[in-house]
Amino acid sequence: MKIPRSVTRSARIAIALTALALLVFTIARQREAVVDALHRMGPGWFAASLLAAIIGLGFTSFAWRTIMADLGSPLPVAAGMRVFYLAQIGKYLPGAVWPFVAQMELGKALGVPRQRSAVGGLLFVGLHCATGLLVASATLPFASPAAAEHYWWVLALTPVLLVVLHPRVLSPLLDRVFWILRRPPLDQPLTLANTVRACGFLLVTWLFYGLSLLALARPLGLTGAGSLALATGAYALAWSAGVMVLGLVPAGIGVREVILAAILLPFLPAGEATAVVATSRVVQTFGDSLWALFAGIALRGPMRRAEQRLRVDQPADAGGTDSPAGPAGGAPAASGAGAATGPTGAAAGAGRAAPATGAAAGRAAGPAPSRRDGD
């Protein structure tokens, strides 16, 4: 029996409202301690936390662009950042699909096929979650053994995710899924080098997220040699658990706060822990909003120029935005008459093929058997 979409949408909204109501109730019950904790934080620590969050969010766009380049769509820096940060606002809506839908629609203007945008978005979330669990597994057993013991079932997913996300496993797995869905396979297989590079950017992101949380907790008493490891591991675990609710609540609202507060409670009083958790959510929301504002205003010009270069570089009959031709700023997929269309991006006909920047010209559909991860 298929559940109507209106019912699932209403359920997601109800869950999100319930989570927000529980957070507001917790703050109201501890209001005196929360207000006192906020005063003790002061604007300086809040600004430091916001700065660290903004830097961390900046590295996430580098990871996403690395993934898109590995899939065959290397994007210009400024235009790629505009697509990424504007799409991220969709995660605050009920349902998990809106950031992916926004990326697909915005990526069309840069010549990125919709399927490739969707795969890139899913890989980004998967790597983000896997690196978060890896960070939590490496820090919490030393910084908070009680938290590691309590959430062992979440941390146990770390090796599973790392194996599944390895290119030698993931590339054929995705091709099999696309075959079942009667969709074309990946235009080129994923590489180990770019996967590791994207994970490196995300590990730096987790470090700055930990610094952001620590900036809020330090003035309230979270000090010591292991405080940064505790803050980083706690936030990484809470964020990853929020993702695992599979879009039931927007941006993991409620789930992240509950786990984060549970990890901090042995180290901070209830009022202080509640203040840190609530303020951390505000900081991250401000960071997303500032990046989206910057992308929407300051990066409008670079996006427009990238679109113009794409129109000049690509022939009018090159298959439109759903062909896997390279994005603006890259070499055209083919020049002359008879440029091919279709998901493999093969160049055919009497025209002269230019050097390929994404999918190799003239290749058959599906990943090339001669390419290996890490080559």
Protein backbone atom coordinates (compact mmCIF):
# COMPACT_ATOMS: atom_id res chain seq x y z
CA MET A 1 0.00 0.00 0.00
CA LYS A 2 1.45 3.29 -1.11
CA ILE A 3 1.25 6.11 1.42
CA PRO A 4 0.00 9.37 -0.15
CA ARG A 5 2.62 12.07 -0.48
CA SER A 6 0.46 14.52 1.46
CA VAL A 7 0.47 12.15 4.44
CA THR A 8 4.26 11.71 4.47
CA ARG A 9 4.75 15.46 4.06
CA SER A 10 2.42 16.17 6.97
CA ALA A 11 4.22 13.58 9.10
CA ARG A 12 7.60 15.18 8.41
CA ILE A 13 6.30 18.62 9.28
CA ALA A 14 4.76 17.24 12.49
CA ILE A 15 8.07 15.60 13.47
CA ALA A 16 9.98 18.82 12.80
CA LEU A 17 7.51 20.88 14.84
CA THR A 18 7.65 18.34 17.67
CA ALA A 19 11.45 18.48 17.74
CA LEU A 20 11.39 22.27 17.81
CA ALA A 21 8.76 22.25 20.55
CA LEU A 22 10.89 19.92 22.68
CA LEU A 23 13.91 22.18 22.21
CA VAL A 24 11.87 25.26 23.17
CA PHE A 25 10.45 23.41 26.20
CA THR A 26 13.95 22.43 27.35
CA ILE A 27 15.19 25.99 27.00
CA ALA A 28 12.14 27.34 28.83
CA ARG A 29 12.56 24.86 31.70
CA GLN A 30 16.20 25.88 32.09
CA ARG A 31 15.64 29.49 31.08
CA GLU A 32 17.45 31.11 33.98
CA ALA A 33 20.52 28.93 33.55
CA VAL A 34 20.39 29.36 29.78
CA VAL A 35 20.18 33.14 29.98
CA ASP A 36 23.03 33.22 32.47
CA ALA A 37 25.13 30.97 30.22
CA LEU A 38 24.47 33.17 27.21
CA HIS A 39 25.62 36.21 29.15
CA ARG A 40 28.78 34.42 30.15
CA MET A 41 29.51 33.50 26.55
CA GLY A 42 29.48 37.10 25.43
CA PRO A 43 29.56 38.41 21.84
CA GLY A 44 33.27 37.67 21.44
CA TRP A 45 32.93 33.92 21.88
CA PHE A 46 29.80 33.91 19.70
CA ALA A 47 31.71 35.72 16.93
CA ALA A 48 34.62 33.27 17.22
CA SER A 49 32.19 30.36 16.97
CA LEU A 50 30.50 31.86 13.92
CA LEU A 51 33.85 32.50 12.20
CA ALA A 52 34.95 28.89 12.73
CA ALA A 53 31.60 27.62 11.42
CA ILE A 54 31.87 29.80 8.31
CA ILE A 55 35.37 28.51 7.57
CA GLY A 56 34.22 24.92 8.08
CA LEU A 57 31.28 25.43 5.73
CA GLY A 58 33.70 26.89 3.19
CA PHE A 59 35.64 23.62 3.01
CA THR A 60 32.45 21.66 2.31
CA SER A 61 32.14 23.36 -1.08
CA PHE A 62 35.70 22.26 -1.94
CA ALA A 63 34.73 18.67 -1.17
CA TRP A 64 31.59 18.86 -3.31
CA ARG A 65 33.45 20.39 -6.26
CA THR A 66 36.08 17.63 -6.00
CA ILE A 67 33.33 15.00 -6.20
CA MET A 68 31.68 16.71 -9.18
CA ALA A 69 35.03 16.91 -10.99
CA ASP A 70 35.58 13.20 -10.38
CA LEU A 71 32.17 12.50 -11.90
CA GLY A 72 33.12 14.46 -15.03
CA SER A 73 31.90 18.00 -14.30
CA PRO A 74 34.76 20.23 -13.10
CA LEU A 75 33.09 23.46 -12.06
CA PRO A 76 34.54 26.97 -11.88
CA VAL A 77 35.23 27.96 -8.28
CA ALA A 78 32.86 30.92 -7.94
CA ALA A 79 30.01 29.46 -10.01
CA GLY A 80 30.30 26.11 -8.25
CA MET A 81 30.15 27.80 -4.85
CA ARG A 82 27.00 29.65 -5.88
CA VAL A 83 25.28 26.42 -6.90
CA PHE A 84 26.34 24.61 -3.74
CA TYR A 85 25.50 27.24 -1.12
CA LEU A 86 22.17 28.29 -2.63
CA ALA A 87 21.14 24.63 -2.78
CA GLN A 88 22.11 24.03 0.85
CA ILE A 89 19.27 26.23 2.06
CA GLY A 90 16.94 23.44 0.90
CA LYS A 91 18.02 21.23 3.80
CA TYR A 92 15.96 23.41 6.17
CA LEU A 93 12.76 22.33 4.41
CA PRO A 94 10.93 19.15 5.44
CA GLY A 95 12.12 16.24 3.32
CA ALA A 96 15.55 15.20 2.13
CA VAL A 97 15.16 15.94 -1.58
CA TRP A 98 15.23 19.74 -1.73
CA PRO A 99 19.01 20.30 -1.69
CA PHE A 100 19.37 17.73 -4.48
CA VAL A 101 16.54 19.25 -6.51
CA ALA A 102 18.10 22.70 -6.15
CA GLN A 103 21.54 21.41 -7.16
CA MET A 104 20.08 19.71 -10.24
CA GLU A 105 18.25 22.84 -11.35
CA LEU A 106 21.10 25.25 -10.63
CA GLY A 107 23.66 22.87 -12.13
CA LYS A 108 21.77 22.79 -15.42
CA ALA A 109 22.98 26.32 -16.12
CA LEU A 110 26.57 25.03 -15.95
CA GLY A 111 25.95 22.07 -18.23
CA VAL A 112 25.78 19.45 -15.47
CA PRO A 113 23.31 16.61 -16.21
CA ARG A 114 20.61 16.14 -13.61
CA GLN A 115 21.60 12.55 -12.88
CA ARG A 116 25.21 13.58 -12.27
CA SER A 117 24.13 16.37 -9.91
CA ALA A 118 21.99 13.91 -7.94
CA VAL A 119 24.82 11.37 -7.70
CA GLY A 120 27.26 14.09 -6.64
CA GLY A 121 24.92 15.30 -3.93
CA LEU A 122 24.40 11.80 -2.56
CA LEU A 123 28.13 11.08 -2.58
CA PHE A 124 28.80 14.34 -0.76
CA VAL A 125 26.32 13.48 2.00
CA GLY A 126 27.67 9.94 2.23
CA LEU A 127 31.29 11.05 2.54
CA HIS A 128 30.32 13.80 4.99
CA CYS A 129 28.54 11.25 7.18
CA ALA A 130 31.32 8.65 6.88
CA THR A 131 34.07 11.12 7.81
CA GLY A 132 31.93 12.37 10.70
CA LEU A 133 31.60 8.87 12.11
CA LEU A 134 35.32 8.32 11.54
CA VAL A 135 36.14 11.47 13.53
CA ALA A 136 33.76 10.42 16.31
CA SER A 137 35.24 6.93 16.42
CA ALA A 138 38.75 8.36 16.69
CA THR A 139 38.00 10.93 19.42
CA LEU A 140 35.09 9.92 21.65
CA PRO A 141 36.57 6.67 23.04
CA PHE A 142 39.33 8.82 24.57
CA ALA A 143 37.46 12.06 25.27
CA SER A 144 34.16 10.51 26.46
CA PRO A 145 34.20 6.71 26.89
CA ALA A 146 30.60 6.82 28.19
CA ALA A 147 29.36 8.44 24.98
CA ALA A 148 31.30 5.98 22.82
CA GLU A 149 29.79 3.08 24.77
CA HIS A 150 26.27 4.49 24.60
CA TYR A 151 26.37 5.21 20.86
CA TRP A 152 28.44 2.20 19.80
CA TRP A 153 25.76 1.13 17.34
CA VAL A 154 26.19 4.39 15.40
CA LEU A 155 29.98 4.22 15.47
CA ALA A 156 29.81 0.60 14.28
CA LEU A 157 28.57 1.87 10.93
CA THR A 158 31.90 3.61 10.28
CA PRO A 159 33.76 0.66 8.66
CA VAL A 160 30.64 -0.29 6.69
CA LEU A 161 30.33 3.21 5.20
CA LEU A 162 34.04 3.42 4.44
CA VAL A 163 33.93 0.11 2.54
CA VAL A 164 30.78 1.00 0.60
CA LEU A 165 32.12 4.43 -0.34
CA HIS A 166 35.42 3.06 -1.65
CA PRO A 167 35.48 3.70 -5.43
CA ARG A 168 36.16 0.04 -6.28
CA VAL A 169 32.93 -0.87 -4.49
CA LEU A 170 30.81 2.21 -5.12
CA SER A 171 31.33 2.61 -8.89
CA PRO A 172 30.01 -0.85 -9.87
CA LEU A 173 27.31 -0.56 -7.20
CA LEU A 174 26.03 2.69 -8.71
CA ASP A 175 26.16 1.22 -12.21
CA ARG A 176 24.06 -1.73 -11.00
CA VAL A 177 21.52 0.62 -9.41
CA PHE A 178 21.28 2.68 -12.60
CA TRP A 179 20.84 -0.51 -14.63
CA ILE A 180 17.93 -1.53 -12.41
CA LEU A 181 16.41 1.93 -12.80
CA ARG A 182 17.05 1.80 -16.57
CA ARG A 183 19.27 4.83 -16.39
CA PRO A 184 22.68 5.26 -18.06
CA PRO A 185 25.70 4.25 -15.96
CA LEU A 186 28.39 6.59 -14.66
CA ASP A 187 30.19 8.39 -17.47
CA GLN A 188 33.49 7.55 -15.78
CA PRO A 189 34.38 5.55 -12.67
CA LEU A 190 35.22 7.27 -9.42
CA THR A 191 38.87 7.51 -8.45
CA LEU A 192 40.48 6.85 -5.11
CA ALA A 193 42.65 9.98 -5.33
CA ASN A 194 39.71 12.38 -5.61
CA THR A 195 37.70 10.49 -3.02
CA VAL A 196 40.57 10.84 -0.55
CA ARG A 197 40.94 14.51 -1.48
CA ALA A 198 37.24 15.16 -0.81
CA CYS A 199 37.50 13.33 2.53
CA GLY A 200 40.50 15.50 3.42
CA PHE A 201 38.45 18.67 2.91
CA LEU A 202 35.67 17.22 5.06
CA LEU A 203 38.08 16.29 7.87
CA VAL A 204 39.18 19.93 7.95
CA THR A 205 35.50 20.87 8.09
CA TRP A 206 34.99 18.72 11.19
CA LEU A 207 37.97 20.36 12.88
CA PHE A 208 36.46 23.82 12.43
CA TYR A 209 33.03 22.61 13.51
CA GLY A 210 34.66 21.34 16.69
CA LEU A 211 36.36 24.69 17.21
CA SER A 212 33.00 26.40 16.70
CA LEU A 213 31.37 24.28 19.41
CA LEU A 214 34.35 24.67 21.75
CA ALA A 215 34.20 28.48 21.43
CA LEU A 216 30.71 28.34 22.93
CA ALA A 217 31.49 25.76 25.62
CA ARG A 218 34.88 26.98 26.84
CA PRO A 219 33.62 30.09 28.69
CA LEU A 220 31.08 27.85 30.44
CA GLY A 221 33.68 25.46 31.81
CA LEU A 222 34.62 22.98 29.08
CA THR A 223 38.40 23.16 29.33
CA GLY A 224 41.30 20.78 29.41
CA ALA A 225 43.58 18.99 26.98
CA GLY A 226 40.83 16.81 25.53
CA SER A 227 38.19 19.53 25.16
CA LEU A 228 38.77 20.02 21.42
CA ALA A 229 38.62 16.27 20.79
CA LEU A 230 35.40 16.05 22.81
CA ALA A 231 33.77 18.98 21.00
CA THR A 232 34.80 17.73 17.56
CA GLY A 233 33.75 14.13 18.17
CA ALA A 234 30.47 15.13 19.82
CA TYR A 235 29.46 17.42 16.98
CA ALA A 236 30.53 14.91 14.31
CA LEU A 237 28.49 12.12 15.91
CA ALA A 238 25.45 14.34 16.49
CA TRP A 239 25.52 15.68 12.90
CA SER A 240 25.92 12.22 11.38
CA ALA A 241 23.07 10.84 13.48
CA GLY A 242 20.90 13.73 12.31
CA VAL A 243 21.59 12.74 8.70
CA MET A 244 20.59 9.14 9.44
CA VAL A 245 16.99 10.12 10.14
CA LEU A 246 16.67 10.06 6.32
CA GLY A 247 14.99 13.41 5.89
CA LEU A 248 12.29 13.00 8.53
CA VAL A 249 13.33 16.31 10.08
CA PRO A 250 14.92 19.25 8.23
CA ALA A 251 18.68 19.61 8.82
CA GLY A 252 18.53 16.98 11.59
CA ILE A 253 16.72 19.37 13.94
CA GLY A 254 16.10 17.74 17.31
CA VAL A 255 18.20 14.62 16.75
CA ARG A 256 21.45 16.55 16.66
CA GLU A 257 20.55 18.57 19.75
CA VAL A 258 19.54 15.54 21.83
CA ILE A 259 22.75 13.63 21.13
CA LEU A 260 24.95 16.69 21.51
CA ALA A 261 23.40 17.57 24.87
CA ALA A 262 23.70 13.96 26.09
CA ILE A 263 27.44 13.95 25.34
CA LEU A 264 28.04 17.36 26.96
CA LEU A 265 26.00 16.77 30.13
CA PRO A 266 28.74 14.85 32.01
CA PHE A 267 31.05 17.82 31.45
CA LEU A 268 28.66 20.79 31.81
CA PRO A 269 25.60 21.53 33.97
CA ALA A 270 22.23 21.10 32.29
CA GLY A 271 21.63 24.82 31.76
CA GLU A 272 25.05 25.41 30.25
CA ALA A 273 24.83 22.35 28.01
CA THR A 274 21.40 23.43 26.78
CA ALA A 275 22.69 26.93 26.02
CA VAL A 276 25.66 25.54 24.07
CA VAL A 277 23.43 23.20 22.03
CA ALA A 278 20.85 25.88 21.19
CA THR A 279 23.48 28.50 20.36
CA SER A 280 25.39 26.04 18.18
CA ARG A 281 22.27 25.51 16.08
CA VAL A 282 21.88 29.30 15.72
CA VAL A 283 25.54 29.65 14.71
CA GLN A 284 25.29 26.97 12.03
CA THR A 285 22.07 28.48 10.66
CA PHE A 286 23.71 31.91 10.53
CA GLY A 287 26.68 30.38 8.72
CA ASP A 288 24.48 28.73 6.09
CA SER A 289 22.52 31.95 5.64
CA LEU A 290 25.62 34.12 5.25
CA TRP A 291 27.14 31.78 2.67
CA ALA A 292 23.83 31.68 0.76
CA LEU A 293 23.61 35.48 0.88
CA PHE A 294 27.18 35.78 -0.37
CA ALA A 295 26.51 33.26 -3.15
CA GLY A 296 23.28 34.94 -4.18
CA ILE A 297 24.70 38.47 -4.37
CA ALA A 298 28.48 38.48 -4.77
CA LEU A 299 28.70 35.39 -7.01
CA ARG A 300 25.92 36.34 -9.40
CA GLY A 301 28.36 37.90 -11.87
CA PRO A 302 30.77 34.91 -12.02
CA MET A 303 27.79 32.59 -12.49
CA ARG A 304 26.51 34.67 -15.39
CA ARG A 305 29.93 34.74 -17.04
CA ALA A 306 30.27 30.98 -16.64
CA GLU A 307 26.90 30.49 -18.32
CA GLN A 308 27.94 32.76 -21.20
CA ARG A 309 31.21 30.85 -21.70
CA LEU A 310 29.26 27.61 -21.74
CA ARG A 311 26.94 28.89 -24.47
CA VAL A 312 29.92 30.02 -26.55
CA ASP A 313 31.93 26.81 -26.06
CA GLN A 314 29.14 24.34 -26.71
CA PRO A 315 27.46 23.94 -30.12
CA ALA A 316 23.77 24.61 -30.18
CA ASP A 317 23.06 20.93 -30.94
CA ALA A 318 25.30 19.47 -28.23
CA GLY A 319 22.43 17.91 -26.34
CA GLY A 320 21.47 20.78 -24.02
CA THR A 321 21.97 20.78 -20.31
CA ASP A 322 21.13 17.08 -19.89
CA SER A 323 24.19 15.95 -21.86
CA PRO A 324 27.35 15.36 -19.84
CA ALA A 325 29.34 18.03 -21.63
CA GLY A 326 31.85 19.79 -19.45
CA PRO A 327 30.80 22.93 -17.60
CA ALA A 328 31.72 26.48 -18.34
CA GLY A 329 35.37 27.19 -18.35
CA GLY A 330 36.31 23.73 -19.66
CA ALA A 331 37.04 22.59 -23.17
CA PRO A 332 34.00 21.91 -25.36
CA ALA A 333 33.04 18.28 -25.77
CA ALA A 334 33.12 18.50 -29.56
CA SER A 335 33.22 21.11 -32.31
CA GLY A 336 31.82 21.07 -35.79
CA ALA A 337 28.83 19.33 -37.24
CA GLY A 338 27.40 16.14 -35.88
CA ALA A 339 28.28 16.50 -32.19
CA ALA A 340 26.74 13.59 -30.37
CA THR A 341 24.15 13.73 -27.66
CA GLY A 342 23.28 11.25 -24.96
CA PRO A 343 24.49 10.20 -21.55
CA THR A 344 27.92 8.93 -22.60
CA GLY A 345 29.07 12.21 -24.06
CA ALA A 346 30.64 10.48 -27.09
CA ALA A 347 31.65 12.71 -29.97
CA ALA A 348 30.67 11.44 -33.40
CA GLY A 349 30.13 12.58 -36.97
CA ALA A 350 32.26 14.73 -39.18
CA GLY A 351 33.21 17.30 -36.53
CA ARG A 352 36.64 17.49 -34.92
CA ALA A 353 36.72 16.29 -31.29
CA ALA A 354 38.39 18.57 -28.80
CA PRO A 355 40.35 17.20 -25.84
CA ALA A 356 37.86 15.87 -23.33
CA THR A 357 37.76 17.35 -19.86
CA GLY A 358 34.98 15.13 -18.44
CA ALA A 359 33.85 11.89 -20.02
CA ALA A 360 36.30 10.72 -22.70
CA ALA A 361 35.17 11.33 -26.27
CA GLY A 362 34.14 8.29 -28.24
CA ARG A 363 33.89 5.91 -25.29
CA ALA A 364 31.10 3.42 -24.86
CA ALA A 365 28.42 3.81 -22.21
CA GLY A 366 29.54 2.85 -18.73
CA PRO A 367 32.87 3.06 -16.95
CA ALA A 368 35.98 2.34 -18.96
CA PRO A 369 37.50 -1.01 -17.91
CA SER A 370 41.05 0.25 -18.37
CA ARG A 371 40.77 2.93 -15.67
CA ARG A 372 41.51 1.93 -12.10
CA ASP A 373 41.08 3.78 -8.82
CA GLY A 374 44.08 5.80 -7.81
CA ASP A 375 45.54 5.90 -11.38
